[in-house]
Amino acid sequence: MSRVSQAQALENRRRAVAAASQLFRERGVNGISVADLMKSIGLTTGGFYKQFSSKEALVAEAAQAAFGDLDLLLASFDTARGDHDTARGALIDFYLSAEHRDQPGSGCPTAGFAGDAAREPSAGEMRETYAAGVEKFAAWMSTEAEDGLPLVATLVGAILLARATAGTDLSEKILESTREALTAPHSPDPES
């Protein structure tokens, strides 16, 4: 039996975390077994336990990796758009798109891990990672005049509803009407 080099072991771990990050967002934590996860990357279940103490440990690491990907996405919107207000608007358009709705595995971890963070009784470490990721996303969505948390909650709620109704006219309507509501110019308050 050949031994795996340290470099190969690290690469196997990276591949397992990346696959788990995608598959957990697509199917949910309970929707993918350790055996199926390892098979998806061409490794054995025994190899999993050489890398991770438990599935819960992998879930926490996968969520952390997914939020790291979100950080990179947000930075790319800032870089590509120049100013933050334009980047924020472009992110809203992307977030509420059919493309994002139809690709949950590579989509926002705030939506992708929401159900598992809420449901899993043993999600302590993942829930902490999740909460920190949501706070960071909300901070990015914030402006001087507006707290980003209600906006993040609206985006996540809309994409979850759109995914749950995918294939129906309602799904498209959810995406379009939420995008319009969030990007329409606000009229000044007549009381001001």
N, C-alpha and C. Protein backbone atom coordinates (compact mmCIF):
# COMPACT_ATOMS: atom_id res chain seq x y z
N MET A 1 0.85 -1.17 0.00
CA MET A 1 0.00 0.00 0.00
C MET A 1 0.90 1.24 0.00
N SER A 2 0.67 2.14 -0.94
CA SER A 2 1.52 3.33 -1.01
C SER A 2 0.99 4.42 -0.10
N ARG A 3 1.91 5.17 0.44
CA ARG A 3 1.54 6.27 1.32
C ARG A 3 1.39 7.53 0.48
N VAL A 4 0.47 8.38 0.89
CA VAL A 4 0.22 9.64 0.19
C VAL A 4 1.17 10.69 0.75
N SER A 5 1.81 11.45 -0.14
CA SER A 5 2.71 12.50 0.32
C SER A 5 1.92 13.59 1.03
N GLN A 6 2.62 14.40 1.81
CA GLN A 6 1.96 15.51 2.51
C GLN A 6 1.32 16.47 1.51
N ALA A 7 2.02 16.73 0.43
CA ALA A 7 1.49 17.63 -0.59
C ALA A 7 0.22 17.07 -1.21
N GLN A 8 0.21 15.77 -1.48
CA GLN A 8 -0.98 15.14 -2.06
C GLN A 8 -2.11 15.12 -1.04
N ALA A 9 -1.78 14.88 0.22
CA ALA A 9 -2.81 14.88 1.27
C ALA A 9 -3.45 16.27 1.38
N LEU A 10 -2.64 17.32 1.31
CA LEU A 10 -3.19 18.69 1.35
C LEU A 10 -4.07 18.97 0.13
N GLU A 11 -3.65 18.50 -1.02
CA GLU A 11 -4.45 18.68 -2.24
C GLU A 11 -5.76 17.90 -2.14
N ASN A 12 -5.72 16.69 -1.59
CA ASN A 12 -6.94 15.90 -1.40
C ASN A 12 -7.90 16.62 -0.45
N ARG A 13 -7.36 17.20 0.59
CA ARG A 13 -8.19 17.94 1.55
C ARG A 13 -8.82 19.15 0.88
N ARG A 14 -8.02 19.88 0.10
CA ARG A 14 -8.53 21.06 -0.60
C ARG A 14 -9.66 20.65 -1.55
N ARG A 15 -9.47 19.57 -2.28
CA ARG A 15 -10.49 19.08 -3.22
C ARG A 15 -11.76 18.67 -2.48
N ALA A 16 -11.61 18.01 -1.34
CA ALA A 16 -12.77 17.58 -0.54
C ALA A 16 -13.55 18.79 -0.04
N VAL A 17 -12.85 19.81 0.44
CA VAL A 17 -13.51 21.02 0.95
C VAL A 17 -14.22 21.74 -0.19
N ALA A 18 -13.55 21.86 -1.35
CA ALA A 18 -14.17 22.54 -2.49
C ALA A 18 -15.41 21.80 -2.97
N ALA A 19 -15.33 20.49 -3.06
CA ALA A 19 -16.48 19.69 -3.50
C ALA A 19 -17.61 19.78 -2.47
N ALA A 20 -17.27 19.70 -1.20
CA ALA A 20 -18.29 19.80 -0.15
C ALA A 20 -18.96 21.16 -0.17
N SER A 21 -18.17 22.21 -0.36
CA SER A 21 -18.72 23.56 -0.41
C SER A 21 -19.78 23.67 -1.50
N GLN A 22 -19.48 23.11 -2.65
CA GLN A 22 -20.43 23.14 -3.77
C GLN A 22 -21.63 22.22 -3.50
N LEU A 23 -21.36 20.98 -3.14
CA LEU A 23 -22.44 20.01 -2.98
C LEU A 23 -23.36 20.33 -1.81
N PHE A 24 -22.82 20.86 -0.72
CA PHE A 24 -23.68 21.23 0.41
C PHE A 24 -24.61 22.38 0.02
N ARG A 25 -24.11 23.34 -0.77
CA ARG A 25 -24.98 24.44 -1.22
C ARG A 25 -26.04 23.93 -2.19
N GLU A 26 -25.70 22.94 -3.00
CA GLU A 26 -26.64 22.38 -3.97
C GLU A 26 -27.69 21.50 -3.32
N ARG A 27 -27.24 20.59 -2.46
CA ARG A 27 -28.12 19.52 -1.97
C ARG A 27 -28.42 19.59 -0.48
N GLY A 28 -27.74 20.46 0.24
CA GLY A 28 -27.88 20.48 1.69
C GLY A 28 -26.91 19.51 2.32
N VAL A 29 -26.60 19.73 3.57
CA VAL A 29 -25.63 18.90 4.29
C VAL A 29 -26.10 17.45 4.34
N ASN A 30 -27.37 17.23 4.60
CA ASN A 30 -27.88 15.86 4.69
C ASN A 30 -28.17 15.26 3.32
N GLY A 31 -28.05 16.04 2.27
CA GLY A 31 -28.30 15.56 0.93
C GLY A 31 -27.10 14.92 0.26
N ILE A 32 -25.98 14.90 0.95
CA ILE A 32 -24.77 14.29 0.39
C ILE A 32 -24.06 13.51 1.51
N SER A 33 -23.78 12.26 1.25
CA SER A 33 -23.08 11.45 2.24
C SER A 33 -21.57 11.62 2.07
N VAL A 34 -20.85 11.24 3.11
CA VAL A 34 -19.39 11.27 3.04
C VAL A 34 -18.92 10.38 1.89
N ALA A 35 -19.52 9.22 1.76
CA ALA A 35 -19.10 8.29 0.69
C ALA A 35 -19.33 8.92 -0.69
N ASP A 36 -20.49 9.55 -0.89
CA ASP A 36 -20.77 10.18 -2.18
C ASP A 36 -19.85 11.37 -2.44
N LEU A 37 -19.57 12.13 -1.41
CA LEU A 37 -18.65 13.26 -1.55
C LEU A 37 -17.28 12.78 -1.99
N MET A 38 -16.75 11.79 -1.30
CA MET A 38 -15.42 11.29 -1.62
C MET A 38 -15.39 10.64 -3.00
N LYS A 39 -16.45 9.94 -3.35
CA LYS A 39 -16.54 9.33 -4.68
C LYS A 39 -16.51 10.41 -5.76
N SER A 40 -17.15 11.56 -5.49
CA SER A 40 -17.21 12.64 -6.49
C SER A 40 -15.83 13.19 -6.82
N ILE A 41 -14.87 13.01 -5.92
CA ILE A 41 -13.51 13.50 -6.20
C ILE A 41 -12.52 12.35 -6.38
N GLY A 42 -13.07 11.14 -6.49
CA GLY A 42 -12.22 9.98 -6.79
C GLY A 42 -11.42 9.46 -5.62
N LEU A 43 -11.90 9.66 -4.41
CA LEU A 43 -11.19 9.17 -3.22
C LEU A 43 -12.08 8.25 -2.42
N THR A 44 -11.50 7.55 -1.47
CA THR A 44 -12.25 6.60 -0.65
C THR A 44 -12.77 7.26 0.62
N THR A 45 -13.76 6.63 1.20
CA THR A 45 -14.32 7.12 2.47
C THR A 45 -13.25 7.09 3.56
N GLY A 46 -12.40 6.08 3.54
CA GLY A 46 -11.32 6.00 4.52
C GLY A 46 -10.42 7.22 4.46
N GLY A 47 -10.20 7.74 3.26
CA GLY A 47 -9.39 8.94 3.11
C GLY A 47 -10.01 10.15 3.78
N PHE A 48 -11.33 10.17 3.84
CA PHE A 48 -12.02 11.28 4.49
C PHE A 48 -11.59 11.38 5.95
N TYR A 49 -11.60 10.24 6.64
CA TYR A 49 -11.33 10.24 8.08
C TYR A 49 -9.84 10.45 8.40
N LYS A 50 -8.99 10.41 7.39
CA LYS A 50 -7.60 10.79 7.58
C LYS A 50 -7.47 12.31 7.54
N GLN A 51 -8.45 12.96 6.90
CA GLN A 51 -8.41 14.41 6.72
C GLN A 51 -9.28 15.18 7.71
N PHE A 52 -10.43 14.61 8.10
CA PHE A 52 -11.41 15.32 8.90
C PHE A 52 -11.85 14.47 10.09
N SER A 53 -12.07 15.13 11.21
CA SER A 53 -12.50 14.39 12.39
C SER A 53 -13.95 13.96 12.30
N SER A 54 -14.75 14.68 11.51
CA SER A 54 -16.18 14.37 11.38
C SER A 54 -16.75 15.13 10.19
N LYS A 55 -17.96 14.75 9.82
CA LYS A 55 -18.64 15.48 8.76
C LYS A 55 -18.90 16.92 9.20
N GLU A 56 -19.22 17.12 10.47
CA GLU A 56 -19.48 18.46 11.00
C GLU A 56 -18.26 19.36 10.83
N ALA A 57 -17.08 18.79 11.04
CA ALA A 57 -15.84 19.56 10.85
C ALA A 57 -15.70 19.97 9.39
N LEU A 58 -16.02 19.06 8.48
CA LEU A 58 -15.97 19.39 7.06
C LEU A 58 -17.01 20.46 6.71
N VAL A 59 -18.20 20.36 7.27
CA VAL A 59 -19.26 21.35 7.00
C VAL A 59 -18.77 22.74 7.38
N ALA A 60 -18.18 22.87 8.55
CA ALA A 60 -17.67 24.17 9.00
C ALA A 60 -16.59 24.69 8.05
N GLU A 61 -15.69 23.81 7.65
CA GLU A 61 -14.61 24.22 6.74
C GLU A 61 -15.16 24.56 5.35
N ALA A 62 -16.15 23.81 4.89
CA ALA A 62 -16.77 24.08 3.59
C ALA A 62 -17.50 25.41 3.60
N ALA A 63 -18.18 25.72 4.69
CA ALA A 63 -18.88 27.01 4.80
C ALA A 63 -17.86 28.15 4.82
N GLN A 64 -16.77 27.96 5.54
CA GLN A 64 -15.72 28.98 5.58
C GLN A 64 -15.14 29.21 4.19
N ALA A 65 -14.91 28.14 3.45
CA ALA A 65 -14.39 28.27 2.07
C ALA A 65 -15.39 28.99 1.18
N ALA A 66 -16.67 28.66 1.34
CA ALA A 66 -17.71 29.30 0.52
C ALA A 66 -17.78 30.80 0.81
N PHE A 67 -17.69 31.18 2.06
CA PHE A 67 -17.71 32.60 2.39
C PHE A 67 -16.42 33.30 1.93
N GLY A 68 -15.32 32.56 1.89
CA GLY A 68 -14.10 33.11 1.29
C GLY A 68 -14.29 33.39 -0.18
N ASP A 69 -14.99 32.48 -0.88
CA ASP A 69 -15.32 32.71 -2.29
C ASP A 69 -16.22 33.93 -2.45
N LEU A 70 -17.17 34.11 -1.52
CA LEU A 70 -18.04 35.29 -1.58
C LEU A 70 -17.22 36.56 -1.40
N ASP A 71 -16.27 36.55 -0.49
CA ASP A 71 -15.38 37.72 -0.31
C ASP A 71 -14.67 38.07 -1.61
N LEU A 72 -14.17 37.04 -2.29
CA LEU A 72 -13.48 37.27 -3.58
C LEU A 72 -14.44 37.83 -4.63
N LEU A 73 -15.67 37.31 -4.66
CA LEU A 73 -16.67 37.81 -5.60
C LEU A 73 -16.97 39.28 -5.34
N LEU A 74 -17.18 39.62 -4.09
CA LEU A 74 -17.49 41.02 -3.74
C LEU A 74 -16.33 41.93 -4.12
N ALA A 75 -15.12 41.49 -3.86
CA ALA A 75 -13.94 42.29 -4.23
C ALA A 75 -13.86 42.46 -5.74
N SER A 76 -14.22 41.41 -6.48
CA SER A 76 -14.19 41.51 -7.94
C SER A 76 -15.23 42.50 -8.45
N PHE A 77 -16.37 42.58 -7.81
CA PHE A 77 -17.38 43.57 -8.20
C PHE A 77 -16.85 44.98 -7.95
N ASP A 78 -16.19 45.20 -6.82
CA ASP A 78 -15.61 46.52 -6.53
C ASP A 78 -14.54 46.87 -7.56
N THR A 79 -13.66 45.91 -7.87
CA THR A 79 -12.57 46.15 -8.80
C THR A 79 -13.09 46.44 -10.21
N ALA A 80 -14.03 45.66 -10.66
CA ALA A 80 -14.54 45.79 -12.03
C ALA A 80 -15.41 47.01 -12.23
N ARG A 81 -16.06 47.49 -11.19
CA ARG A 81 -17.03 48.57 -11.34
C ARG A 81 -16.49 49.94 -10.91
N GLY A 82 -15.36 49.96 -10.24
CA GLY A 82 -14.77 51.23 -9.86
C GLY A 82 -15.31 51.79 -8.57
N ASP A 83 -16.56 52.22 -8.56
CA ASP A 83 -17.09 52.78 -7.31
C ASP A 83 -18.05 51.78 -6.66
N HIS A 84 -18.17 51.88 -5.36
CA HIS A 84 -18.91 50.88 -4.59
C HIS A 84 -20.41 50.90 -4.89
N ASP A 85 -21.00 52.06 -5.12
CA ASP A 85 -22.44 52.11 -5.42
C ASP A 85 -22.75 51.37 -6.72
N THR A 86 -21.92 51.53 -7.72
CA THR A 86 -22.11 50.82 -8.99
C THR A 86 -21.91 49.33 -8.78
N ALA A 87 -20.91 48.96 -8.01
CA ALA A 87 -20.65 47.55 -7.71
C ALA A 87 -21.82 46.93 -6.96
N ARG A 88 -22.35 47.65 -6.02
CA ARG A 88 -23.49 47.17 -5.23
C ARG A 88 -24.70 46.92 -6.14
N GLY A 89 -24.99 47.84 -7.04
CA GLY A 89 -26.09 47.67 -7.98
C GLY A 89 -25.88 46.49 -8.90
N ALA A 90 -24.64 46.31 -9.37
CA ALA A 90 -24.32 45.18 -10.24
C ALA A 90 -24.47 43.86 -9.49
N LEU A 91 -24.09 43.85 -8.21
CA LEU A 91 -24.25 42.63 -7.43
C LEU A 91 -25.72 42.30 -7.25
N ILE A 92 -26.55 43.29 -6.99
CA ILE A 92 -27.99 43.05 -6.87
C ILE A 92 -28.53 42.43 -8.16
N ASP A 93 -28.13 42.99 -9.30
CA ASP A 93 -28.58 42.44 -10.59
C ASP A 93 -28.14 40.98 -10.75
N PHE A 94 -26.88 40.69 -10.41
CA PHE A 94 -26.38 39.32 -10.51
C PHE A 94 -27.10 38.40 -9.53
N TYR A 95 -27.24 38.85 -8.31
CA TYR A 95 -27.82 38.02 -7.25
C TYR A 95 -29.23 37.59 -7.62
N LEU A 96 -29.98 38.51 -8.21
CA LEU A 96 -31.37 38.24 -8.56
C LEU A 96 -31.52 37.83 -10.02
N SER A 97 -30.57 37.06 -10.50
CA SER A 97 -30.58 36.60 -11.88
C SER A 97 -30.95 35.12 -11.96
N ALA A 98 -31.43 34.71 -13.11
CA ALA A 98 -31.72 33.29 -13.35
C ALA A 98 -30.44 32.46 -13.22
N GLU A 99 -29.32 33.01 -13.66
CA GLU A 99 -28.04 32.30 -13.56
C GLU A 99 -27.72 31.95 -12.11
N HIS A 100 -27.84 32.92 -11.20
CA HIS A 100 -27.55 32.67 -9.79
C HIS A 100 -28.59 31.71 -9.20
N ARG A 101 -29.84 31.90 -9.56
CA ARG A 101 -30.90 31.01 -9.07
C ARG A 101 -30.61 29.56 -9.46
N ASP A 102 -30.19 29.36 -10.70
CA ASP A 102 -30.06 28.02 -11.26
C ASP A 102 -28.73 27.33 -10.93
N GLN A 103 -27.83 28.01 -10.25
CA GLN A 103 -26.53 27.41 -9.91
C GLN A 103 -26.23 27.56 -8.41
N PRO A 104 -27.05 26.94 -7.57
CA PRO A 104 -26.83 27.10 -6.14
C PRO A 104 -25.48 26.59 -5.65
N GLY A 105 -24.92 25.60 -6.32
CA GLY A 105 -23.64 25.04 -5.89
C GLY A 105 -22.49 26.03 -5.95
N SER A 106 -22.57 26.97 -6.87
CA SER A 106 -21.53 28.01 -6.96
C SER A 106 -22.08 29.36 -6.51
N GLY A 107 -23.29 29.34 -5.96
CA GLY A 107 -23.94 30.59 -5.55
C GLY A 107 -23.57 31.03 -4.16
N CYS A 108 -24.26 32.04 -3.72
CA CYS A 108 -23.99 32.68 -2.43
C CYS A 108 -24.18 31.70 -1.27
N PRO A 109 -23.19 31.58 -0.41
CA PRO A 109 -23.31 30.70 0.74
C PRO A 109 -24.34 31.18 1.76
N THR A 110 -24.66 32.46 1.72
CA THR A 110 -25.68 32.97 2.65
C THR A 110 -27.01 32.28 2.37
N ALA A 111 -27.34 32.10 1.10
CA ALA A 111 -28.54 31.35 0.74
C ALA A 111 -28.28 29.85 0.80
N GLY A 112 -27.12 29.42 0.32
CA GLY A 112 -26.82 28.00 0.20
C GLY A 112 -26.74 27.25 1.51
N PHE A 113 -26.29 27.89 2.57
CA PHE A 113 -26.15 27.24 3.86
C PHE A 113 -27.24 27.66 4.85
N ALA A 114 -28.18 28.48 4.42
CA ALA A 114 -29.20 29.02 5.34
C ALA A 114 -30.01 27.92 6.02
N GLY A 115 -30.55 27.01 5.24
CA GLY A 115 -31.37 25.94 5.81
C GLY A 115 -30.60 25.07 6.77
N ASP A 116 -29.38 24.72 6.41
CA ASP A 116 -28.58 23.86 7.27
C ASP A 116 -28.18 24.58 8.56
N ALA A 117 -27.84 25.85 8.45
CA ALA A 117 -27.47 26.61 9.65
C ALA A 117 -28.65 26.69 10.61
N ALA A 118 -29.85 26.77 10.06
CA ALA A 118 -31.05 26.87 10.90
C ALA A 118 -31.47 25.52 11.47
N ARG A 119 -31.31 24.45 10.68
CA ARG A 119 -31.84 23.13 11.04
C ARG A 119 -30.91 22.25 11.85
N GLU A 120 -29.64 22.29 11.57
CA GLU A 120 -28.72 21.32 12.14
C GLU A 120 -28.42 21.59 13.60
N PRO A 121 -28.77 20.67 14.49
CA PRO A 121 -28.50 20.88 15.92
C PRO A 121 -27.01 20.90 16.25
N SER A 122 -26.20 20.25 15.42
CA SER A 122 -24.76 20.19 15.68
C SER A 122 -23.99 21.19 14.82
N ALA A 123 -24.65 22.25 14.40
CA ALA A 123 -24.05 23.21 13.47
C ALA A 123 -23.32 24.34 14.17
N GLY A 124 -22.92 24.16 15.43
CA GLY A 124 -22.32 25.25 16.20
C GLY A 124 -21.21 26.00 15.50
N GLU A 125 -20.16 25.28 15.09
CA GLU A 125 -19.02 25.94 14.44
C GLU A 125 -19.42 26.51 13.08
N MET A 126 -20.23 25.75 12.34
CA MET A 126 -20.69 26.25 11.04
C MET A 126 -21.58 27.47 11.23
N ARG A 127 -22.42 27.46 12.25
CA ARG A 127 -23.31 28.59 12.49
C ARG A 127 -22.51 29.86 12.81
N GLU A 128 -21.42 29.71 13.55
CA GLU A 128 -20.56 30.87 13.84
C GLU A 128 -19.94 31.40 12.55
N THR A 129 -19.45 30.49 11.71
CA THR A 129 -18.90 30.88 10.42
C THR A 129 -19.97 31.56 9.57
N TYR A 130 -21.16 30.99 9.59
CA TYR A 130 -22.27 31.53 8.82
C TYR A 130 -22.62 32.95 9.29
N ALA A 131 -22.76 33.13 10.59
CA ALA A 131 -23.10 34.45 11.13
C ALA A 131 -22.04 35.49 10.78
N ALA A 132 -20.78 35.11 10.89
CA ALA A 132 -19.70 36.04 10.54
C ALA A 132 -19.76 36.38 9.04
N GLY A 133 -20.05 35.39 8.20
CA GLY A 133 -20.16 35.63 6.77
C GLY A 133 -21.31 36.55 6.42
N VAL A 134 -22.45 36.35 7.07
CA VAL A 134 -23.62 37.21 6.84
C VAL A 134 -23.29 38.64 7.26
N GLU A 135 -22.66 38.80 8.40
CA GLU A 135 -22.29 40.16 8.87
C GLU A 135 -21.34 40.84 7.89
N LYS A 136 -20.38 40.10 7.37
CA LYS A 136 -19.42 40.66 6.42
C LYS A 136 -20.11 41.05 5.11
N PHE A 137 -21.02 40.21 4.64
CA PHE A 137 -21.79 40.50 3.43
C PHE A 137 -22.64 41.75 3.65
N ALA A 138 -23.30 41.84 4.80
CA ALA A 138 -24.13 43.01 5.12
C ALA A 138 -23.28 44.27 5.19
N ALA A 139 -22.09 44.17 5.75
CA ALA A 139 -21.20 45.34 5.81
C ALA A 139 -20.84 45.80 4.41
N TRP A 140 -20.57 44.86 3.50
CA TRP A 140 -20.24 45.21 2.13
C TRP A 140 -21.44 45.88 1.45
N MET A 141 -22.64 45.42 1.73
CA MET A 141 -23.84 45.97 1.12
C MET A 141 -24.26 47.31 1.73
N SER A 142 -23.68 47.67 2.86
CA SER A 142 -24.04 48.92 3.54
C SER A 142 -23.52 50.14 2.81
N THR A 143 -24.21 51.24 2.99
CA THR A 143 -23.76 52.55 2.53
C THR A 143 -23.75 53.46 3.74
N GLU A 144 -23.31 54.68 3.54
CA GLU A 144 -23.33 55.64 4.65
C GLU A 144 -24.75 55.86 5.15
N ALA A 145 -25.72 55.79 4.24
CA ALA A 145 -27.11 56.08 4.60
C ALA A 145 -27.95 54.85 4.90
N GLU A 146 -27.42 53.65 4.60
CA GLU A 146 -28.27 52.46 4.69
C GLU A 146 -27.51 51.27 5.26
N ASP A 147 -28.10 50.62 6.26
CA ASP A 147 -27.58 49.37 6.81
C ASP A 147 -27.81 48.28 5.77
N GLY A 148 -26.81 47.49 5.48
CA GLY A 148 -26.92 46.45 4.46
C GLY A 148 -27.64 45.19 4.90
N LEU A 149 -27.88 45.01 6.20
CA LEU A 149 -28.50 43.78 6.67
C LEU A 149 -29.91 43.55 6.12
N PRO A 150 -30.80 44.54 6.13
CA PRO A 150 -32.12 44.31 5.52
C PRO A 150 -32.02 43.98 4.02
N LEU A 151 -31.07 44.56 3.34
CA LEU A 151 -30.88 44.28 1.92
C LEU A 151 -30.42 42.83 1.71
N VAL A 152 -29.47 42.38 2.52
CA VAL A 152 -29.02 40.99 2.43
C VAL A 152 -30.18 40.04 2.72
N ALA A 153 -30.97 40.35 3.75
CA ALA A 153 -32.11 39.50 4.09
C ALA A 153 -33.11 39.44 2.93
N THR A 154 -33.33 40.55 2.27
CA THR A 154 -34.23 40.59 1.12
C THR A 154 -33.67 39.77 -0.04
N LEU A 155 -32.39 39.94 -0.34
CA LEU A 155 -31.76 39.19 -1.43
C LEU A 155 -31.82 37.69 -1.18
N VAL A 156 -31.46 37.28 0.02
CA VAL A 156 -31.43 35.86 0.35
C VAL A 156 -32.85 35.29 0.32
N GLY A 157 -33.79 35.99 0.90
CA GLY A 157 -35.18 35.52 0.86
C GLY A 157 -35.68 35.39 -0.56
N ALA A 158 -35.37 36.36 -1.40
CA ALA A 158 -35.84 36.33 -2.79
C ALA A 158 -35.22 35.17 -3.55
N ILE A 159 -33.92 34.94 -3.38
CA ILE A 159 -33.29 33.86 -4.15
C ILE A 159 -33.77 32.50 -3.65
N LEU A 160 -34.01 32.36 -2.36
CA LEU A 160 -34.54 31.10 -1.84
C LEU A 160 -35.95 30.83 -2.39
N LEU A 161 -36.79 31.85 -2.40
CA LEU A 161 -38.14 31.69 -2.97
C LEU A 161 -38.07 31.39 -4.47
N ALA A 162 -37.19 32.08 -5.17
CA ALA A 162 -37.06 31.86 -6.61
C ALA A 162 -36.58 30.44 -6.90
N ARG A 163 -35.66 29.93 -6.08
CA ARG A 163 -35.19 28.56 -6.26
C ARG A 163 -36.30 27.55 -5.93
N ALA A 164 -37.06 27.84 -4.90
CA ALA A 164 -38.13 26.93 -4.49
C ALA A 164 -39.25 26.87 -5.52
N THR A 165 -39.39 27.91 -6.33
CA THR A 165 -40.45 27.96 -7.34
C THR A 165 -39.89 27.88 -8.76
N ALA A 166 -38.63 27.49 -8.90
CA ALA A 166 -37.97 27.41 -10.22
C ALA A 166 -38.82 26.59 -11.18
N GLY A 167 -38.85 27.06 -12.42
CA GLY A 167 -39.65 26.38 -13.43
C GLY A 167 -41.06 26.92 -13.55
N THR A 168 -41.40 27.87 -12.70
CA THR A 168 -42.73 28.49 -12.76
C THR A 168 -42.58 29.97 -13.09
N ASP A 169 -43.67 30.56 -13.53
CA ASP A 169 -43.67 32.00 -13.80
C ASP A 169 -43.40 32.79 -12.52
N LEU A 170 -43.84 32.25 -11.39
CA LEU A 170 -43.64 32.95 -10.12
C LEU A 170 -42.16 33.15 -9.82
N SER A 171 -41.33 32.19 -10.15
CA SER A 171 -39.90 32.31 -9.89
C SER A 171 -39.33 33.54 -10.60
N GLU A 172 -39.65 33.66 -11.88
CA GLU A 172 -39.18 34.83 -12.65
C GLU A 172 -39.73 36.12 -12.06
N LYS A 173 -40.99 36.09 -11.66
CA LYS A 173 -41.62 37.29 -11.09
C LYS A 173 -40.93 37.71 -9.79
N ILE A 174 -40.58 36.74 -8.97
CA ILE A 174 -39.87 37.04 -7.71
C ILE A 174 -38.56 37.76 -8.01
N LEU A 175 -37.78 37.21 -8.96
CA LEU A 175 -36.50 37.82 -9.30
C LEU A 175 -36.70 39.23 -9.85
N GLU A 176 -37.59 39.37 -10.81
CA GLU A 176 -37.81 40.67 -11.46
C GLU A 176 -38.37 41.72 -10.50
N SER A 177 -39.40 41.36 -9.75
CA SER A 177 -40.04 42.36 -8.89
C SER A 177 -39.13 42.77 -7.73
N THR A 178 -38.34 41.83 -7.22
CA THR A 178 -37.41 42.19 -6.14
C THR A 178 -36.30 43.07 -6.69
N ARG A 179 -35.78 42.72 -7.86
CA ARG A 179 -34.73 43.55 -8.48
C ARG A 179 -35.25 44.97 -8.72
N GLU A 180 -36.46 45.08 -9.25
CA GLU A 180 -37.05 46.40 -9.50
C GLU A 180 -37.23 47.18 -8.21
N ALA A 181 -37.72 46.50 -7.18
CA ALA A 181 -37.94 47.17 -5.89
C ALA A 181 -36.64 47.68 -5.28
N LEU A 182 -35.56 46.92 -5.47
CA LEU A 182 -34.29 47.29 -4.85
C LEU A 182 -33.49 48.29 -5.68
N THR A 183 -33.76 48.37 -6.97
CA THR A 183 -32.95 49.25 -7.79
C THR A 183 -33.71 50.49 -8.28
N ALA A 184 -35.02 50.54 -8.04
CA ALA A 184 -35.79 51.71 -8.44
C ALA A 184 -35.37 52.92 -7.62
N PRO A 185 -35.31 54.09 -8.27
CA PRO A 185 -34.97 55.29 -7.50
C PRO A 185 -36.03 55.53 -6.42
N HIS A 186 -35.58 55.87 -5.25
CA HIS A 186 -36.50 56.13 -4.13
C HIS A 186 -36.93 57.58 -4.18
N SER A 187 -38.22 57.80 -4.06
CA SER A 187 -38.68 59.19 -4.01
C SER A 187 -38.53 59.71 -2.60
N PRO A 188 -38.28 60.99 -2.49
CA PRO A 188 -38.08 61.56 -1.15
C PRO A 188 -39.36 61.43 -0.33
N ASP A 189 -39.16 61.30 0.95
CA ASP A 189 -40.28 61.21 1.90
C ASP A 189 -40.97 62.56 1.96
N PRO A 190 -42.30 62.61 1.67
CA PRO A 190 -43.00 63.91 1.68
C PRO A 190 -43.03 64.54 3.06
N GLU A 191 -42.82 63.77 4.10
CA GLU A 191 -42.82 64.30 5.47
C GLU A 191 -41.52 65.04 5.79
N SER A 192 -40.47 64.83 4.97
CA SER A 192 -39.18 65.44 5.27
C SER A 192 -39.16 66.89 4.93
